[in-house]
Each structure stands twice: as structure tokens, then as C-alpha cells.
Amino acid sequence: MIKLAPSMLSADFSAFAADAARVERAGAQLLHMDIMDGHFVPNISFGPAVVKSLLGKTGLPFDVHLMIENADRFIPEFVTAQTEYIVVHEEACVQLGRTLDLIRDLGVKPGVALNPATPLCTLDCVLEDIDLVLIMTVNPGYSGQKFRPAGIEKVRRLAEIRGERGLSFQIETDGGVGLDNARTLAAAGVDIFVTGSSLFGAADAAEWVRAFRAAVEQQ
């Protein structure tokens, strides 16, 4: 089943828990947490204390996307009873395999994110060890960026590789995702859609989710 993971980076920080509850009622399946350190990406977002503030305020599992350097040092801080995925960047991990082992040893599903310019071949040796691949369709760091269409072919090829190798990792996409490209991305092979400003900025979140479902089901 295709899942929707609203990015809490686009939520109202003065009503963080209320916005999480709002998108849960609207029909989301995950909450995407964009963690930025101002080093790996040119922005700072929020840390583990803010993520943990949502425990018990929503029933949705957390999809934690670490856009940070020295991820191994901070990963344990993001492990909670509601953390389903912790996703690290291939470009930021010196020993990617070791980092993925750490995540799994902590009882969380490991994932890897790729920036738009990073080729799929960089994951050849770890695809069997991960539960999710996040294809960035914008350069990470800020919400509201324009979608990069080259990501569609990247998703399509990754889905082919998954089938050829008999693997079962989820394919996620993040960056400029909206009602105008959801159908194309679903047809290419996306399982989890991260969306931000287009959902949180909608006058009626539930109606937006219904329109999204209608779009992806037309593939």
C-alpha cells in the first residue's frame, strides 16, 4: 500500500502536536522528521527532544531522516517506541554499512537517502541490508523547493533493481511532491511519499489526502 509521510518541517512549530494530529486524522501513515545540522545541509531544523515531544500525541510511526554529519553519534537519541525508520545519507556516512548495522541493532529499520546527483550504484553493496531507500528530488536543506524530474527515472531504475534482485525495501521520495506528480511517481515505483508545504498549506488536509489517493490510484 502506498503511504503518505507528511514532513513535520512544514508544520506550524507553535502547534507542532496539533499539526501532527491533523495530518493523522487526514489519513497519513507516517510522520517524516527532517533533522538538519547546518553542516551537511545549509539549515538547522530540530533535534531529538522535539521528536520525542510527539510521543503519545499521535499514533503514527516516525520516519526520521538524518541530514547530519557524524550520524552514528546521534542515532540512539532518535530511537523511540514510535520510530520505525532512521534514514541516513550515503554522502554523509564514512562507514555506511556500520551505520546501518547500528540502526538495526537498536531495533529500528535502517534506510539510506541519496541526493539528486548521487548515483544508485553507490548502494550496490548495501541494498540487501536496508529497509528503505529515499530518493531526494530536491537538494536537501529547505522545504518548498521545485521538484527535479530526473528523480522519476532514478525511482524507476531502483524499482527495477529491487525486482531483479528479489529485494523488498521500500522506495521513498522527498522534495516537491504534490498532486501534479504523485501519479507519475507512483507508476515509477514509489511506496512512500514525503510531502510538506502542499499538504500543510492546504485549506482542508483531509480533502488534499483524498485527492492524493485518487491521483496515485489512477496509475
C-alpha atoms as a PDB file:
ATOM      1  CA  MET A   1       0.000   0.000   0.000  1.00  0.00           C
ATOM      2  CA  ILE A   2       1.271   3.460  -0.886  1.00  0.00           C
ATOM      3  CA  LYS A   3       1.950   5.510   2.242  1.00  0.00           C
ATOM      4  CA  LEU A   4       1.910   9.235   2.860  1.00  0.00           C
ATOM      5  CA  ALA A   5       4.533  10.712   5.212  1.00  0.00           C
ATOM      6  CA  PRO A   6       3.988  14.424   5.870  1.00  0.00           C
ATOM      7  CA  SER A   7       7.213  16.281   6.650  1.00  0.00           C
ATOM      8  CA  MET A   8       6.969  17.964  10.044  1.00  0.00           C
ATOM      9  CA  LEU A   9       9.466  20.542   8.777  1.00  0.00           C
ATOM     10  CA  SER A  10       6.464  22.191   7.112  1.00  0.00           C
ATOM     11  CA  ALA A  11       4.288  22.084  10.240  1.00  0.00           C
ATOM     12  CA  ASP A  12       3.497  25.086  12.395  1.00  0.00           C
ATOM     13  CA  PHE A  13       6.184  24.851  15.098  1.00  0.00           C
ATOM     14  CA  SER A  14       3.936  26.734  17.525  1.00  0.00           C
ATOM     15  CA  ALA A  15       1.318  23.990  17.108  1.00  0.00           C
ATOM     16  CA  PHE A  16       3.554  21.023  16.368  1.00  0.00           C
ATOM     17  CA  ALA A  17       1.493  18.328  18.110  1.00  0.00           C
ATOM     18  CA  ALA A  18      -1.762  19.747  16.771  1.00  0.00           C
ATOM     19  CA  ASP A  19      -0.457  19.656  13.207  1.00  0.00           C
ATOM     20  CA  ALA A  20       0.734  16.071  13.672  1.00  0.00           C
ATOM     21  CA  ALA A  21      -2.736  15.107  14.886  1.00  0.00           C
ATOM     22  CA  ARG A  22      -4.328  16.999  11.988  1.00  0.00           C
ATOM     23  CA  VAL A  23      -2.454  15.089   9.280  1.00  0.00           C
ATOM     24  CA  GLU A  24      -3.043  11.826  11.128  1.00  0.00           C
ATOM     25  CA  ARG A  25      -6.803  12.469  11.036  1.00  0.00           C
ATOM     26  CA  ALA A  26      -6.472  13.378   7.364  1.00  0.00           C
ATOM     27  CA  GLY A  27      -5.107   9.917   6.565  1.00  0.00           C
ATOM     28  CA  ALA A  28      -1.289   9.976   6.781  1.00  0.00           C
ATOM     29  CA  GLN A  29       0.561   6.748   7.652  1.00  0.00           C
ATOM     30  CA  LEU A  30       3.931   8.104   8.895  1.00  0.00           C
ATOM     31  CA  LEU A  31       5.400  11.339  10.222  1.00  0.00           C
ATOM     32  CA  HIS A  32       8.590  12.353   8.417  1.00  0.00           C
ATOM     33  CA  MET A  33      11.147  14.098  10.643  1.00  0.00           C
ATOM     34  CA  ASP A  34      13.717  16.154   8.730  1.00  0.00           C
ATOM     35  CA  ILE A  35      16.732  16.548  11.025  1.00  0.00           C
ATOM     36  CA  MET A  36      19.269  19.147   9.829  1.00  0.00           C
ATOM     37  CA  ASP A  37      22.536  20.205  11.455  1.00  0.00           C
ATOM     38  CA  GLY A  38      23.627  23.264   9.475  1.00  0.00           C
ATOM     39  CA  HIS A  39      26.743  21.387   8.297  1.00  0.00           C
ATOM     40  CA  PHE A  40      25.710  18.610   5.932  1.00  0.00           C
ATOM     41  CA  VAL A  41      22.866  20.841   4.733  1.00  0.00           C
ATOM     42  CA  PRO A  42      22.628  24.650   4.944  1.00  0.00           C
ATOM     43  CA  ASN A  43      19.843  24.754   7.510  1.00  0.00           C
ATOM     44  CA  ILE A  44      19.040  23.779  11.100  1.00  0.00           C
ATOM     45  CA  SER A  45      15.696  22.210  11.948  1.00  0.00           C
ATOM     46  CA  PHE A  46      15.106  20.405  15.251  1.00  0.00           C
ATOM     47  CA  GLY A  47      16.542  17.609  17.342  1.00  0.00           C
ATOM     48  CA  PRO A  48      15.535  14.536  19.334  1.00  0.00           C
ATOM     49  CA  ALA A  49      13.758  16.458  22.091  1.00  0.00           C
ATOM     50  CA  VAL A  50      11.267  17.860  19.582  1.00  0.00           C
ATOM     51  CA  VAL A  51      10.729  14.433  18.015  1.00  0.00           C
ATOM     52  CA  LYS A  52      10.135  12.909  21.449  1.00  0.00           C
ATOM     53  CA  SER A  53       7.633  15.651  22.275  1.00  0.00           C
ATOM     54  CA  LEU A  54       5.219  13.928  19.873  1.00  0.00           C
ATOM     55  CA  LEU A  55       5.300  10.598  21.708  1.00  0.00           C
ATOM     56  CA  GLY A  56       1.774   9.758  22.741  1.00  0.00           C
ATOM     57  CA  LYS A  57       0.412  12.847  20.929  1.00  0.00           C
ATOM     58  CA  THR A  58      -0.021  10.854  17.718  1.00  0.00           C
ATOM     59  CA  GLY A  59      -0.319   7.188  16.911  1.00  0.00           C
ATOM     60  CA  LEU A  60       1.723   7.491  13.747  1.00  0.00           C
ATOM     61  CA  PRO A  61       5.210   5.928  13.498  1.00  0.00           C
ATOM     62  CA  PHE A  62       8.187   8.198  12.924  1.00  0.00           C
ATOM     63  CA  ASP A  63      10.287   8.233   9.747  1.00  0.00           C
ATOM     64  CA  VAL A  64      13.473  10.012  10.880  1.00  0.00           C
ATOM     65  CA  HIS A  65      15.595  11.487   8.085  1.00  0.00           C
ATOM     66  CA  LEU A  66      19.046  12.459   9.355  1.00  0.00           C
ATOM     67  CA  MET A  67      20.619  15.141   7.170  1.00  0.00           C
ATOM     68  CA  ILE A  68      23.582  15.405   9.514  1.00  0.00           C
ATOM     69  CA  GLU A  69      27.266  14.677   9.886  1.00  0.00           C
ATOM     70  CA  ASN A  70      28.507  12.164  12.495  1.00  0.00           C
ATOM     71  CA  ALA A  71      25.194  10.332  12.394  1.00  0.00           C
ATOM     72  CA  ASP A  72      26.431   7.403  14.490  1.00  0.00           C
ATOM     73  CA  ARG A  73      26.851   9.715  17.471  1.00  0.00           C
ATOM     74  CA  PHE A  74      23.237  10.890  17.402  1.00  0.00           C
ATOM     75  CA  ILE A  75      21.258   7.904  16.093  1.00  0.00           C
ATOM     76  CA  PRO A  76      20.487   6.442  19.558  1.00  0.00           C
ATOM     77  CA  GLU A  77      18.834   9.730  20.564  1.00  0.00           C
ATOM     78  CA  PHE A  78      16.191   9.289  17.863  1.00  0.00           C
ATOM     79  CA  VAL A  79      15.221   5.752  18.827  1.00  0.00           C
ATOM     80  CA  THR A  80      11.764   5.805  20.431  1.00  0.00           C
ATOM     81  CA  ALA A  81       8.825   3.453  20.762  1.00  0.00           C
ATOM     82  CA  GLN A  82       7.347   5.107  17.656  1.00  0.00           C
ATOM     83  CA  THR A  83      10.472   5.263  15.476  1.00  0.00           C
ATOM     84  CA  GLU A  84      10.003   2.917  12.516  1.00  0.00           C
ATOM     85  CA  TYR A  85      12.764   4.136  10.177  1.00  0.00           C
ATOM     86  CA  ILE A  86      16.022   6.007  10.638  1.00  0.00           C
ATOM     87  CA  VAL A  87      17.404   7.152   7.294  1.00  0.00           C
ATOM     88  CA  VAL A  88      20.971   8.371   6.834  1.00  0.00           C
ATOM     89  CA  HIS A  89      22.639   9.927   3.816  1.00  0.00           C
ATOM     90  CA  GLU A  90      25.097   7.898   1.782  1.00  0.00           C
ATOM     91  CA  GLU A  91      27.067  11.088   1.202  1.00  0.00           C
ATOM     92  CA  ALA A  92      27.487  11.764   4.943  1.00  0.00           C
ATOM     93  CA  CYS A  93      28.492   8.298   6.200  1.00  0.00           C
ATOM     94  CA  VAL A  94      32.142   7.261   6.169  1.00  0.00           C
ATOM     95  CA  GLN A  95      31.296   3.641   7.044  1.00  0.00           C
ATOM     96  CA  LEU A  96      27.766   3.247   5.721  1.00  0.00           C
ATOM     97  CA  GLY A  97      27.471  -0.468   6.466  1.00  0.00           C
ATOM     98  CA  ARG A  98      28.490   0.058  10.086  1.00  0.00           C
ATOM     99  CA  THR A  99      25.917   2.837  10.471  1.00  0.00           C
ATOM    100  CA  LEU A 100      23.145   0.648   9.065  1.00  0.00           C
ATOM    101  CA  ASP A 101      24.114  -2.155  11.455  1.00  0.00           C
ATOM    102  CA  LEU A 102      23.915   0.277  14.360  1.00  0.00           C
ATOM    103  CA  ILE A 103      20.390   1.313  13.409  1.00  0.00           C
ATOM    104  CA  ARG A 104      19.182  -2.269  13.087  1.00  0.00           C
ATOM    105  CA  ASP A 105      20.885  -3.295  16.342  1.00  0.00           C
ATOM    106  CA  LEU A 106      18.855  -0.569  18.057  1.00  0.00           C
ATOM    107  CA  GLY A 107      15.647  -2.183  16.835  1.00  0.00           C
ATOM    108  CA  VAL A 108      14.828   0.287  14.059  1.00  0.00           C
ATOM    109  CA  LYS A 109      14.570  -0.244  10.294  1.00  0.00           C
ATOM    110  CA  PRO A 110      17.567   1.313   8.507  1.00  0.00           C
ATOM    111  CA  GLY A 111      17.293   3.391   5.367  1.00  0.00           C
ATOM    112  CA  VAL A 112      19.609   5.352   3.067  1.00  0.00           C
ATOM    113  CA  ALA A 113      18.928   8.636   1.288  1.00  0.00           C
ATOM    114  CA  LEU A 114      20.533   9.736  -1.977  1.00  0.00           C
ATOM    115  CA  ASN A 115      20.899  13.341  -3.094  1.00  0.00           C
ATOM    116  CA  PRO A 116      19.862  14.159  -6.688  1.00  0.00           C
ATOM    117  CA  ALA A 117      23.441  13.971  -8.013  1.00  0.00           C
ATOM    118  CA  THR A 118      24.340  10.709  -6.231  1.00  0.00           C
ATOM    119  CA  PRO A 119      24.061   7.609  -8.465  1.00  0.00           C
ATOM    120  CA  LEU A 120      22.232   4.443  -7.465  1.00  0.00           C
ATOM    121  CA  CYS A 121      25.411   2.381  -7.860  1.00  0.00           C
ATOM    122  CA  THR A 122      26.688   3.761  -4.544  1.00  0.00           C
ATOM    123  CA  LEU A 123      24.179   1.458  -2.825  1.00  0.00           C
ATOM    124  CA  ASP A 124      25.128  -1.749  -4.644  1.00  0.00           C
ATOM    125  CA  CYS A 125      26.795  -3.313  -1.604  1.00  0.00           C
ATOM    126  CA  VAL A 126      24.135  -2.393   0.975  1.00  0.00           C
ATOM    127  CA  LEU A 127      20.772  -2.907  -0.729  1.00  0.00           C
ATOM    128  CA  GLU A 128      20.339  -6.278   0.999  1.00  0.00           C
ATOM    129  CA  ASP A 129      20.836  -4.584   4.381  1.00  0.00           C
ATOM    130  CA  ILE A 130      18.271  -1.810   4.210  1.00  0.00           C
ATOM    131  CA  ASP A 131      14.512  -1.447   4.540  1.00  0.00           C
ATOM    132  CA  LEU A 132      14.122   1.848   2.698  1.00  0.00           C
ATOM    133  CA  VAL A 133      15.794   3.944   0.012  1.00  0.00           C
ATOM    134  CA  LEU A 134      14.916   7.632  -0.035  1.00  0.00           C
ATOM    135  CA  ILE A 135      15.347   9.308  -3.421  1.00  0.00           C
ATOM    136  CA  MET A 136      15.698  13.054  -2.968  1.00  0.00           C
ATOM    137  CA  THR A 137      14.006  15.001  -5.740  1.00  0.00           C
ATOM    138  CA  VAL A 138      15.361  18.317  -4.462  1.00  0.00           C
ATOM    139  CA  ASN A 139      18.687  19.223  -2.898  1.00  0.00           C
ATOM    140  CA  PRO A 140      18.147  18.687   0.830  1.00  0.00           C
ATOM    141  CA  GLY A 141      18.043  21.572   3.244  1.00  0.00           C
ATOM    142  CA  TYR A 142      14.888  23.608   2.676  1.00  0.00           C
ATOM    143  CA  SER A 143      11.202  22.886   2.184  1.00  0.00           C
ATOM    144  CA  GLY A 144       9.213  24.274  -0.728  1.00  0.00           C
ATOM    145  CA  GLN A 145      11.815  23.630  -3.457  1.00  0.00           C
ATOM    146  CA  LYS A 146      10.922  22.826  -7.057  1.00  0.00           C
ATOM    147  CA  PHE A 147      10.686  19.137  -7.977  1.00  0.00           C
ATOM    148  CA  ARG A 148      13.545  17.722 -10.108  1.00  0.00           C
ATOM    149  CA  PRO A 149      12.015  15.443 -12.799  1.00  0.00           C
ATOM    150  CA  ALA A 150      15.236  13.414 -13.189  1.00  0.00           C
ATOM    151  CA  GLY A 151      14.255  11.708  -9.941  1.00  0.00           C
ATOM    152  CA  ILE A 152      11.456   9.855 -11.733  1.00  0.00           C
ATOM    153  CA  GLU A 153      13.850   7.797 -13.837  1.00  0.00           C
ATOM    154  CA  LYS A 154      16.018   7.189 -10.795  1.00  0.00           C
ATOM    155  CA  VAL A 155      12.999   5.752  -8.951  1.00  0.00           C
ATOM    156  CA  ARG A 156      12.054   3.639 -11.966  1.00  0.00           C
ATOM    157  CA  ARG A 157      15.533   2.134 -12.224  1.00  0.00           C
ATOM    158  CA  LEU A 158      15.679   1.478  -8.477  1.00  0.00           C
ATOM    159  CA  ALA A 159      12.355  -0.368  -8.673  1.00  0.00           C
ATOM    160  CA  GLU A 160      13.782  -2.488 -11.498  1.00  0.00           C
ATOM    161  CA  ILE A 161      16.871  -3.317  -9.425  1.00  0.00           C
ATOM    162  CA  ARG A 162      14.650  -4.276  -6.496  1.00  0.00           C
ATOM    163  CA  GLY A 163      12.733  -6.699  -8.688  1.00  0.00           C
ATOM    164  CA  GLU A 164      15.826  -8.120 -10.389  1.00  0.00           C
ATOM    165  CA  ARG A 165      17.480  -8.863  -7.041  1.00  0.00           C
ATOM    166  CA  GLY A 166      14.335 -10.080  -5.302  1.00  0.00           C
ATOM    167  CA  LEU A 167      14.535  -7.441  -2.564  1.00  0.00           C
ATOM    168  CA  SER A 168      11.734  -5.838  -0.578  1.00  0.00           C
ATOM    169  CA  PHE A 169      12.988  -2.421   0.577  1.00  0.00           C
ATOM    170  CA  GLN A 170      10.551   0.473   0.348  1.00  0.00           C
ATOM    171  CA  ILE A 171      11.162   3.312  -2.101  1.00  0.00           C
ATOM    172  CA  GLU A 172      10.504   6.771  -0.719  1.00  0.00           C
ATOM    173  CA  THR A 173      10.688  10.132  -2.422  1.00  0.00           C
ATOM    174  CA  ASP A 174      11.035  13.577  -0.895  1.00  0.00           C
ATOM    175  CA  GLY A 175      11.081  17.028  -2.447  1.00  0.00           C
ATOM    176  CA  GLY A 176       8.473  18.946  -4.396  1.00  0.00           C
ATOM    177  CA  VAL A 177       5.949  16.105  -4.190  1.00  0.00           C
ATOM    178  CA  GLY A 178       2.384  17.187  -4.852  1.00  0.00           C
ATOM    179  CA  LEU A 179      -0.824  16.321  -6.641  1.00  0.00           C
ATOM    180  CA  ASP A 180       0.715  17.205 -10.015  1.00  0.00           C
ATOM    181  CA  ASN A 181       3.421  14.500  -9.923  1.00  0.00           C
ATOM    182  CA  ALA A 182       2.099  11.884  -7.468  1.00  0.00           C
ATOM    183  CA  ARG A 183       0.631   9.670 -10.184  1.00  0.00           C
ATOM    184  CA  THR A 184       3.855   9.594 -12.225  1.00  0.00           C
ATOM    185  CA  LEU A 185       5.964   8.812  -9.168  1.00  0.00           C
ATOM    186  CA  ALA A 186       3.623   6.019  -8.057  1.00  0.00           C
ATOM    187  CA  ALA A 187       3.783   4.475 -11.515  1.00  0.00           C
ATOM    188  CA  ALA A 188       7.596   4.620 -11.368  1.00  0.00           C
ATOM    189  CA  GLY A 189       7.611   2.629  -8.129  1.00  0.00           C
ATOM    190  CA  VAL A 190       7.372   4.953  -5.119  1.00  0.00           C
ATOM    191  CA  ASP A 191       5.899   3.334  -1.988  1.00  0.00           C
ATOM    192  CA  ILE A 192       6.193   6.225   0.490  1.00  0.00           C
ATOM    193  CA  PHE A 193       5.575   9.850  -0.417  1.00  0.00           C
ATOM    194  CA  VAL A 194       7.022  12.648   1.712  1.00  0.00           C
ATOM    195  CA  THR A 195       5.068  15.834   1.245  1.00  0.00           C
ATOM    196  CA  GLY A 196       5.361  19.119   3.051  1.00  0.00           C
ATOM    197  CA  SER A 197       4.069  22.549   2.160  1.00  0.00           C
ATOM    198  CA  SER A 198       1.485  21.288  -0.345  1.00  0.00           C
ATOM    199  CA  LEU A 199      -0.299  19.321   2.403  1.00  0.00           C
ATOM    200  CA  PHE A 200       0.279  21.563   5.420  1.00  0.00           C
ATOM    201  CA  GLY A 201      -0.680  24.599   3.347  1.00  0.00           C
ATOM    202  CA  ALA A 202      -3.945  23.058   2.147  1.00  0.00           C
ATOM    203  CA  ALA A 203      -7.134  24.588   3.477  1.00  0.00           C
ATOM    204  CA  ASP A 204      -8.550  21.076   4.033  1.00  0.00           C
ATOM    205  CA  ALA A 205      -5.899  18.443   4.760  1.00  0.00           C
ATOM    206  CA  ALA A 206      -8.354  15.544   4.520  1.00  0.00           C
ATOM    207  CA  GLU A 207      -9.528  16.698   1.096  1.00  0.00           C
ATOM    208  CA  TRP A 208      -5.907  17.012  -0.042  1.00  0.00           C
ATOM    209  CA  VAL A 209      -5.203  13.436   1.047  1.00  0.00           C
ATOM    210  CA  ARG A 210      -8.327  12.198  -0.771  1.00  0.00           C
ATOM    211  CA  ALA A 211      -7.134  13.955  -3.938  1.00  0.00           C
ATOM    212  CA  PHE A 212      -3.678  12.430  -3.487  1.00  0.00           C
ATOM    213  CA  ARG A 213      -5.133   8.930  -3.121  1.00  0.00           C
ATOM    214  CA  ALA A 214      -7.270   9.437  -6.212  1.00  0.00           C
ATOM    215  CA  ALA A 215      -4.190  10.545  -8.171  1.00  0.00           C
ATOM    216  CA  VAL A 216      -1.944   7.614  -7.241  1.00  0.00           C
ATOM    217  CA  GLU A 217      -4.708   5.062  -7.721  1.00  0.00           C
ATOM    218  CA  GLN A 218      -5.111   6.147 -11.361  1.00  0.00           C
ATOM    219  CA  GLN A 219      -1.663   4.761 -12.301  1.00  0.00           C
END
